[in-house]
Amino acid sequence: MLIQQPGLKLILEQDNALARGISQDDIQKVRDATDIVALISERVPLKQRGHEFWGCCPFHHEKTPSFKVDSSSQFWHCFGCGEGG
């Protein structure tokens, strides 16, 4: 997969972290201490719509936003390419 935004690569590697010996507890501590909207918006311009934030997906080229970031669940998903985490 082509990742055009290197800052988001850390989010994608969560599942690989368990394989490298990082405990689920440590992953949860990092997740709790990180504002995913602030992290992603360092690389992707996001606009708020209700409690969700939307922008153009960093994983493929698009003209209309299909990349959703939910601040309450700390998850993101692209409805265009299906990537999420």
Protein backbone atom coordinates (compact mmCIF):
# COMPACT_ATOMS: atom_id res chain seq x y z
CA MET A 1 0.00 0.00 0.00
CA LEU A 2 1.29 3.45 -0.89
CA ILE A 3 1.32 5.76 2.12
CA GLN A 4 1.56 9.37 1.08
CA GLN A 5 1.46 10.75 4.63
CA PRO A 6 4.31 9.30 6.72
CA GLY A 7 2.85 10.55 10.02
CA LEU A 8 -0.13 8.23 9.61
CA LYS A 9 2.07 5.17 9.17
CA LEU A 10 2.35 4.89 12.96
CA ILE A 11 -1.40 4.43 13.24
CA LEU A 12 -1.39 1.68 10.62
CA GLU A 13 1.29 -0.29 12.44
CA GLN A 14 -0.82 -0.95 15.54
CA ASP A 15 -1.45 -4.61 14.67
CA ASN A 16 2.23 -5.12 13.89
CA ALA A 17 3.12 -3.74 17.33
CA LEU A 18 1.62 -6.77 19.02
CA ALA A 19 3.76 -9.03 16.83
CA ARG A 20 6.86 -7.08 17.95
CA GLY A 21 6.09 -7.58 21.63
CA ILE A 22 4.38 -4.30 22.55
CA SER A 23 1.62 -5.09 25.03
CA GLN A 24 -2.01 -4.20 24.44
CA ASP A 25 -1.87 -2.19 27.69
CA ASP A 26 0.98 -0.03 26.33
CA ILE A 27 -0.88 0.47 23.05
CA GLN A 28 -3.96 1.59 24.99
CA LYS A 29 -1.87 4.05 27.06
CA VAL A 30 -0.54 5.67 23.89
CA ARG A 31 -4.03 5.75 22.37
CA ASP A 32 -5.45 7.38 25.52
CA ALA A 33 -2.69 10.01 25.55
CA THR A 34 -3.06 10.88 21.86
CA ASP A 35 -5.67 13.11 20.26
CA ILE A 36 -6.14 11.35 16.93
CA VAL A 37 -7.72 14.42 15.34
CA ALA A 38 -4.71 16.58 16.26
CA LEU A 39 -2.30 13.88 15.08
CA ILE A 40 -3.95 13.31 11.70
CA SER A 41 -4.60 17.02 11.11
CA GLU A 42 -0.83 17.60 11.20
CA ARG A 43 -0.77 15.99 7.73
CA VAL A 44 -4.38 16.03 6.47
CA PRO A 45 -6.60 19.13 6.52
CA LEU A 46 -9.78 18.15 8.41
CA LYS A 47 -13.13 19.92 8.66
CA GLN A 48 -15.50 19.26 11.53
CA ARG A 49 -19.02 17.99 10.81
CA GLY A 50 -20.79 17.30 14.09
CA HIS A 51 -18.52 15.17 16.27
CA GLU A 52 -16.68 13.78 13.24
CA PHE A 53 -13.90 15.28 11.15
CA TRP A 54 -13.63 14.80 7.38
CA GLY A 55 -10.84 15.25 4.86
CA CYS A 56 -9.40 13.85 1.66
CA CYS A 57 -7.81 10.46 2.14
CA PRO A 58 -4.01 10.45 2.34
CA PHE A 59 -3.85 6.93 0.86
CA HIS A 60 -5.34 7.68 -2.55
CA HIS A 61 -6.07 10.73 -4.69
CA GLU A 62 -9.56 12.15 -4.40
CA LYS A 63 -11.32 15.47 -4.86
CA THR A 64 -14.12 15.11 -2.32
CA PRO A 65 -13.55 14.10 1.32
CA SER A 66 -14.26 10.46 2.14
CA PHE A 67 -11.82 10.15 5.05
CA LYS A 68 -13.60 10.27 8.44
CA VAL A 69 -11.94 10.72 11.83
CA ASP A 70 -14.08 10.14 14.93
CA SER A 71 -12.65 11.89 17.98
CA SER A 72 -14.84 10.02 20.47
CA SER A 73 -13.80 6.53 19.33
CA GLN A 74 -10.26 7.53 18.24
CA PHE A 75 -10.73 5.66 14.94
CA TRP A 76 -10.51 6.71 11.31
CA HIS A 77 -11.93 5.24 8.11
CA CYS A 78 -11.86 6.02 4.39
CA PHE A 79 -15.06 5.20 2.57
CA GLY A 80 -13.25 5.50 -0.77
CA CYS A 81 -10.49 2.92 -0.36
CA GLY A 82 -11.65 1.08 2.77
CA GLU A 83 -8.56 1.77 4.90
CA GLY A 84 -9.19 2.37 8.58
CA GLY A 85 -7.83 2.02 12.05
